[in-house]
């Protein structure tokens, strides 16, 4: 079975447990914190994925880092995963937990890339467009890419809306190249 499928099953089990214990919001916050910690600390991720590091040591590391910062239920989940020799998928499980939580709560993640930082009105307008299109709450992630020259690229799920000047210029160049080849063939 693939890592993703296993991580998805563990995430679903954790969501069920969190709902049963009325800790869904708290554990979602814990999982988001854990994902961020592993993204910013590749060493921790490497330790959890390393089969040579003993489960006892992995548990001790997780307890040292997250004790007092996450719910006891979250720490217990980490311990169970490590003791079941599943620490290599903890990161994927936490990410999948957040994804499933967002799905359950109808929260849509959108990414907008622009050449310059968005104004407050542009940000609100982008969020409103996504909100109307998806009928969900919007988490907007903003990125800056000066190569776009102007405009923006908005990505929601597998859909992308590209109004960047660099993309427009690229399309124009392609059109000119196609017309030149067509004229040469005639």
C-alpha atoms as a PDB file:
ATOM      1  CA  UNK A   1       0.000   0.000   0.000  1.00  0.00           C
ATOM      2  CA  UNK A   2       1.335   3.450  -0.873  1.00  0.00           C
ATOM      3  CA  UNK A   3       2.492   5.903   1.800  1.00  0.00           C
ATOM      4  CA  UNK A   4      -0.238   8.308   0.761  1.00  0.00           C
ATOM      5  CA  UNK A   5      -3.023   5.751   1.248  1.00  0.00           C
ATOM      6  CA  UNK A   6      -1.686   4.729   4.642  1.00  0.00           C
ATOM      7  CA  UNK A   7      -1.265   8.367   5.704  1.00  0.00           C
ATOM      8  CA  UNK A   8      -4.816   9.099   4.541  1.00  0.00           C
ATOM      9  CA  UNK A   9      -6.204   6.257   6.639  1.00  0.00           C
ATOM     10  CA  UNK A  10      -4.312   7.365   9.753  1.00  0.00           C
ATOM     11  CA  UNK A  11      -5.426  10.967   9.201  1.00  0.00           C
ATOM     12  CA  UNK A  12      -9.055   9.839   8.894  1.00  0.00           C
ATOM     13  CA  UNK A  13      -8.743   7.825  12.108  1.00  0.00           C
ATOM     14  CA  UNK A  14      -7.270  10.815  13.910  1.00  0.00           C
ATOM     15  CA  UNK A  15     -10.079  13.078  12.674  1.00  0.00           C
ATOM     16  CA  UNK A  16     -12.638  10.566  13.949  1.00  0.00           C
ATOM     17  CA  UNK A  17     -10.888  10.429  17.340  1.00  0.00           C
ATOM     18  CA  UNK A  18     -10.601  14.221  17.499  1.00  0.00           C
ATOM     19  CA  UNK A  19     -14.319  14.617  16.792  1.00  0.00           C
ATOM     20  CA  UNK A  20     -15.180  11.970  19.348  1.00  0.00           C
ATOM     21  CA  UNK A  21     -13.143  13.821  21.993  1.00  0.00           C
ATOM     22  CA  UNK A  22     -14.348  17.290  20.879  1.00  0.00           C
ATOM     23  CA  UNK A  23     -10.764  18.269  20.053  1.00  0.00           C
ATOM     24  CA  UNK A  24     -11.003  18.689  16.287  1.00  0.00           C
ATOM     25  CA  UNK A  25      -9.972  22.362  16.228  1.00  0.00           C
ATOM     26  CA  UNK A  26      -7.135  21.857  18.718  1.00  0.00           C
ATOM     27  CA  UNK A  27      -5.706  18.819  16.948  1.00  0.00           C
ATOM     28  CA  UNK A  28      -5.980  20.572  13.584  1.00  0.00           C
ATOM     29  CA  UNK A  29      -3.884  23.393  15.081  1.00  0.00           C
ATOM     30  CA  UNK A  30      -1.413  20.786  16.384  1.00  0.00           C
ATOM     31  CA  UNK A  31      -1.126  19.114  12.984  1.00  0.00           C
ATOM     32  CA  UNK A  32      -0.582  22.463  11.255  1.00  0.00           C
ATOM     33  CA  UNK A  33       2.150  23.258  13.819  1.00  0.00           C
ATOM     34  CA  UNK A  34       3.743  19.842  13.231  1.00  0.00           C
ATOM     35  CA  UNK A  35       3.702  20.289   9.436  1.00  0.00           C
ATOM     36  CA  UNK A  36       5.291  23.729   9.789  1.00  0.00           C
ATOM     37  CA  UNK A  37       7.931  22.368  12.173  1.00  0.00           C
ATOM     38  CA  UNK A  38       8.921  19.609   9.756  1.00  0.00           C
ATOM     39  CA  UNK A  39       8.954  21.991   6.785  1.00  0.00           C
ATOM     40  CA  UNK A  40      11.292  24.339   8.610  1.00  0.00           C
ATOM     41  CA  UNK A  41      13.470  21.593  10.142  1.00  0.00           C
ATOM     42  CA  UNK A  42      14.580  19.014   7.609  1.00  0.00           C
ATOM     43  CA  UNK A  43      16.694  17.286  10.266  1.00  0.00           C
ATOM     44  CA  UNK A  44      13.623  16.393  12.300  1.00  0.00           C
ATOM     45  CA  UNK A  45      11.940  15.004   9.205  1.00  0.00           C
ATOM     46  CA  UNK A  46      15.083  12.991   8.400  1.00  0.00           C
ATOM     47  CA  UNK A  47      15.201  11.566  11.938  1.00  0.00           C
ATOM     48  CA  UNK A  48      11.555  10.477  11.764  1.00  0.00           C
ATOM     49  CA  UNK A  49      12.110   8.822   8.388  1.00  0.00           C
ATOM     50  CA  UNK A  50      15.361   7.104   9.442  1.00  0.00           C
ATOM     51  CA  UNK A  51      14.803   3.408  10.289  1.00  0.00           C
ATOM     52  CA  UNK A  52      18.106   3.269  12.185  1.00  0.00           C
ATOM     53  CA  UNK A  53      16.953   5.728  14.859  1.00  0.00           C
ATOM     54  CA  UNK A  54      15.148   3.752  17.548  1.00  0.00           C
ATOM     55  CA  UNK A  55      11.459   4.352  18.210  1.00  0.00           C
ATOM     56  CA  UNK A  56      12.333   5.181  21.827  1.00  0.00           C
ATOM     57  CA  UNK A  57      14.639   7.975  20.671  1.00  0.00           C
ATOM     58  CA  UNK A  58      12.072   9.288  18.160  1.00  0.00           C
ATOM     59  CA  UNK A  59       9.384   9.427  20.845  1.00  0.00           C
ATOM     60  CA  UNK A  60      11.769  11.214  23.206  1.00  0.00           C
ATOM     61  CA  UNK A  61      12.572  13.798  20.517  1.00  0.00           C
ATOM     62  CA  UNK A  62       8.900  14.402  19.713  1.00  0.00           C
ATOM     63  CA  UNK A  63       7.997  14.712  23.394  1.00  0.00           C
ATOM     64  CA  UNK A  64      10.898  17.119  23.995  1.00  0.00           C
ATOM     65  CA  UNK A  65       9.861  19.332  21.083  1.00  0.00           C
ATOM     66  CA  UNK A  66       6.064  19.230  21.305  1.00  0.00           C
ATOM     67  CA  UNK A  67       5.240  18.595  24.965  1.00  0.00           C
ATOM     68  CA  UNK A  68       3.205  21.508  26.283  1.00  0.00           C
ATOM     69  CA  UNK A  69       2.715  22.848  22.753  1.00  0.00           C
ATOM     70  CA  UNK A  70       0.212  20.277  21.518  1.00  0.00           C
ATOM     71  CA  UNK A  71      -2.716  18.379  22.981  1.00  0.00           C
ATOM     72  CA  UNK A  72      -1.929  15.212  24.973  1.00  0.00           C
ATOM     73  CA  UNK A  73      -4.022  13.292  22.416  1.00  0.00           C
ATOM     74  CA  UNK A  74      -1.728  14.549  19.650  1.00  0.00           C
ATOM     75  CA  UNK A  75       1.380  13.426  21.528  1.00  0.00           C
ATOM     76  CA  UNK A  76      -0.223  10.029  22.098  1.00  0.00           C
ATOM     77  CA  UNK A  77      -0.947   9.787  18.386  1.00  0.00           C
ATOM     78  CA  UNK A  78       2.718  10.553  17.614  1.00  0.00           C
ATOM     79  CA  UNK A  79       3.805   7.850  20.076  1.00  0.00           C
ATOM     80  CA  UNK A  80       1.443   5.277  18.561  1.00  0.00           C
ATOM     81  CA  UNK A  81       2.650   6.058  15.041  1.00  0.00           C
ATOM     82  CA  UNK A  82       6.299   5.785  16.053  1.00  0.00           C
ATOM     83  CA  UNK A  83       5.755   2.559  18.027  1.00  0.00           C
ATOM     84  CA  UNK A  84       3.896   1.049  15.054  1.00  0.00           C
ATOM     85  CA  UNK A  85       6.982   1.848  12.954  1.00  0.00           C
ATOM     86  CA  UNK A  86       5.035   4.464  10.968  1.00  0.00           C
ATOM     87  CA  UNK A  87       7.084   7.539  11.879  1.00  0.00           C
ATOM     88  CA  UNK A  88       8.185   7.892   8.250  1.00  0.00           C
ATOM     89  CA  UNK A  89       4.637   8.878   7.296  1.00  0.00           C
ATOM     90  CA  UNK A  90       3.927  11.227  10.217  1.00  0.00           C
ATOM     91  CA  UNK A  91       4.541  14.283   8.030  1.00  0.00           C
ATOM     92  CA  UNK A  92       2.244  13.026   5.263  1.00  0.00           C
ATOM     93  CA  UNK A  93      -0.385  12.042   7.838  1.00  0.00           C
ATOM     94  CA  UNK A  94      -0.346  15.502   9.411  1.00  0.00           C
ATOM     95  CA  UNK A  95      -0.633  17.178   5.987  1.00  0.00           C
ATOM     96  CA  UNK A  96      -3.481  14.860   5.038  1.00  0.00           C
ATOM     97  CA  UNK A  97      -5.207  15.559   8.370  1.00  0.00           C
ATOM     98  CA  UNK A  98      -5.202  19.287   7.561  1.00  0.00           C
ATOM     99  CA  UNK A  99      -6.478  18.573   4.029  1.00  0.00           C
ATOM    100  CA  UNK A 100      -9.307  16.384   5.321  1.00  0.00           C
ATOM    101  CA  UNK A 101     -10.147  18.964   7.985  1.00  0.00           C
ATOM    102  CA  UNK A 102     -10.364  21.666   5.296  1.00  0.00           C
ATOM    103  CA  UNK A 103     -12.608  19.446   3.184  1.00  0.00           C
ATOM    104  CA  UNK A 104     -14.849  18.713   6.163  1.00  0.00           C
ATOM    105  CA  UNK A 105     -15.130  22.424   7.016  1.00  0.00           C
ATOM    106  CA  UNK A 106     -15.474  23.510   3.351  1.00  0.00           C
ATOM    107  CA  UNK A 107     -12.258  25.518   3.490  1.00  0.00           C
ATOM    108  CA  UNK A 108     -10.676  26.157   0.097  1.00  0.00           C
ATOM    109  CA  UNK A 109      -6.988  26.884  -0.311  1.00  0.00           C
ATOM    110  CA  UNK A 110      -6.122  29.363  -3.033  1.00  0.00           C
ATOM    111  CA  UNK A 111      -2.684  30.569  -4.087  1.00  0.00           C
ATOM    112  CA  UNK A 112      -2.220  33.903  -5.788  1.00  0.00           C
ATOM    113  CA  UNK A 113       1.118  34.835  -7.301  1.00  0.00           C
ATOM    114  CA  UNK A 114       1.628  38.457  -8.273  1.00  0.00           C
ATOM    115  CA  UNK A 115       4.516  40.633  -9.406  1.00  0.00           C
ATOM    116  CA  UNK A 116       4.065  42.968  -6.418  1.00  0.00           C
ATOM    117  CA  UNK A 117       2.331  42.608  -3.052  1.00  0.00           C
ATOM    118  CA  UNK A 118      -1.467  42.787  -3.296  1.00  0.00           C
ATOM    119  CA  UNK A 119      -3.348  45.763  -1.956  1.00  0.00           C
ATOM    120  CA  UNK A 120      -5.987  45.061   0.671  1.00  0.00           C
ATOM    121  CA  UNK A 121      -8.766  45.682  -1.867  1.00  0.00           C
ATOM    122  CA  UNK A 122      -7.172  43.321  -4.439  1.00  0.00           C
ATOM    123  CA  UNK A 123      -6.750  40.647  -1.773  1.00  0.00           C
ATOM    124  CA  UNK A 124     -10.389  40.993  -0.699  1.00  0.00           C
ATOM    125  CA  UNK A 125     -11.579  40.932  -4.300  1.00  0.00           C
ATOM    126  CA  UNK A 126      -9.605  37.748  -5.053  1.00  0.00           C
ATOM    127  CA  UNK A 127     -10.970  36.080  -1.915  1.00  0.00           C
ATOM    128  CA  UNK A 128     -14.532  37.108  -2.809  1.00  0.00           C
ATOM    129  CA  UNK A 129     -14.205  35.676  -6.334  1.00  0.00           C
ATOM    130  CA  UNK A 130     -12.945  32.355  -4.935  1.00  0.00           C
ATOM    131  CA  UNK A 131     -15.597  32.360  -2.204  1.00  0.00           C
ATOM    132  CA  UNK A 132     -18.383  32.838  -4.781  1.00  0.00           C
ATOM    133  CA  UNK A 133     -16.954  30.187  -7.109  1.00  0.00           C
ATOM    134  CA  UNK A 134     -16.483  27.555  -4.407  1.00  0.00           C
ATOM    135  CA  UNK A 135     -19.097  28.522  -1.808  1.00  0.00           C
ATOM    136  CA  UNK A 136     -16.484  27.904   0.859  1.00  0.00           C
ATOM    137  CA  UNK A 137     -14.248  29.717   3.279  1.00  0.00           C
ATOM    138  CA  UNK A 138     -11.027  30.816   1.578  1.00  0.00           C
ATOM    139  CA  UNK A 139      -7.457  30.457   2.810  1.00  0.00           C
ATOM    140  CA  UNK A 140      -5.462  32.704   0.503  1.00  0.00           C
ATOM    141  CA  UNK A 141      -1.719  32.185   0.224  1.00  0.00           C
ATOM    142  CA  UNK A 142       0.104  35.050  -1.416  1.00  0.00           C
ATOM    143  CA  UNK A 143       3.402  34.753  -3.261  1.00  0.00           C
ATOM    144  CA  UNK A 144       5.475  37.368  -5.061  1.00  0.00           C
ATOM    145  CA  UNK A 145       7.212  36.673  -8.380  1.00  0.00           C
ATOM    146  CA  UNK A 146       8.656  39.758 -10.091  1.00  0.00           C
ATOM    147  CA  UNK A 147       9.116  37.701 -13.295  1.00  0.00           C
ATOM    148  CA  UNK A 148       5.370  37.996 -13.887  1.00  0.00           C
ATOM    149  CA  UNK A 149       5.954  41.697 -14.689  1.00  0.00           C
ATOM    150  CA  UNK A 150       2.303  42.468 -13.856  1.00  0.00           C
ATOM    151  CA  UNK A 151      -1.025  40.751 -13.341  1.00  0.00           C
ATOM    152  CA  UNK A 152      -1.406  37.577 -11.304  1.00  0.00           C
ATOM    153  CA  UNK A 153      -1.836  33.807 -11.364  1.00  0.00           C
ATOM    154  CA  UNK A 154      -4.636  32.451  -9.177  1.00  0.00           C
ATOM    155  CA  UNK A 155      -4.686  28.720  -8.437  1.00  0.00           C
ATOM    156  CA  UNK A 156      -7.599  27.002  -6.698  1.00  0.00           C
ATOM    157  CA  UNK A 157      -7.333  23.238  -6.555  1.00  0.00           C
ATOM    158  CA  UNK A 158      -6.486  22.064 -10.064  1.00  0.00           C
ATOM    159  CA  UNK A 159      -7.739  25.248 -11.752  1.00  0.00           C
ATOM    160  CA  UNK A 160      -5.520  28.138 -12.703  1.00  0.00           C
ATOM    161  CA  UNK A 161      -6.398  31.619 -13.908  1.00  0.00           C
ATOM    162  CA  UNK A 162      -3.392  33.404 -15.431  1.00  0.00           C
ATOM    163  CA  UNK A 163      -3.539  37.132 -16.192  1.00  0.00           C
ATOM    164  CA  UNK A 164       0.193  37.753 -15.915  1.00  0.00           C
ATOM    165  CA  UNK A 165       1.917  39.943 -18.452  1.00  0.00           C
ATOM    166  CA  UNK A 166       4.751  37.423 -18.842  1.00  0.00           C
ATOM    167  CA  UNK A 167       2.229  34.744 -19.831  1.00  0.00           C
ATOM    168  CA  UNK A 168       0.541  37.091 -22.288  1.00  0.00           C
ATOM    169  CA  UNK A 169       3.911  37.975 -23.831  1.00  0.00           C
ATOM    170  CA  UNK A 170       4.810  34.296 -24.068  1.00  0.00           C
ATOM    171  CA  UNK A 171       1.532  33.542 -25.871  1.00  0.00           C
ATOM    172  CA  UNK A 172       2.115  36.435 -28.264  1.00  0.00           C
ATOM    173  CA  UNK A 173       5.618  35.196 -29.021  1.00  0.00           C
ATOM    174  CA  UNK A 174       4.262  31.710 -29.683  1.00  0.00           C
ATOM    175  CA  UNK A 175       1.566  33.135 -31.995  1.00  0.00           C
ATOM    176  CA  UNK A 176       4.157  35.168 -33.912  1.00  0.00           C
ATOM    177  CA  UNK A 177       6.409  32.120 -34.228  1.00  0.00           C
ATOM    178  CA  UNK A 178       3.489  30.022 -35.515  1.00  0.00           C
ATOM    179  CA  UNK A 179       2.489  32.684 -38.046  1.00  0.00           C
ATOM    180  CA  UNK A 180       6.084  32.982 -39.243  1.00  0.00           C
ATOM    181  CA  UNK A 181       6.313  29.211 -39.790  1.00  0.00           C
ATOM    182  CA  UNK A 182       2.915  29.185 -41.565  1.00  0.00           C
ATOM    183  CA  UNK A 183       4.017  32.027 -43.852  1.00  0.00           C
ATOM    184  CA  UNK A 184       7.272  30.226 -44.673  1.00  0.00           C
ATOM    185  CA  UNK A 185       5.427  27.063 -45.651  1.00  0.00           C
ATOM    186  CA  UNK A 186       3.102  28.946 -48.062  1.00  0.00           C
END
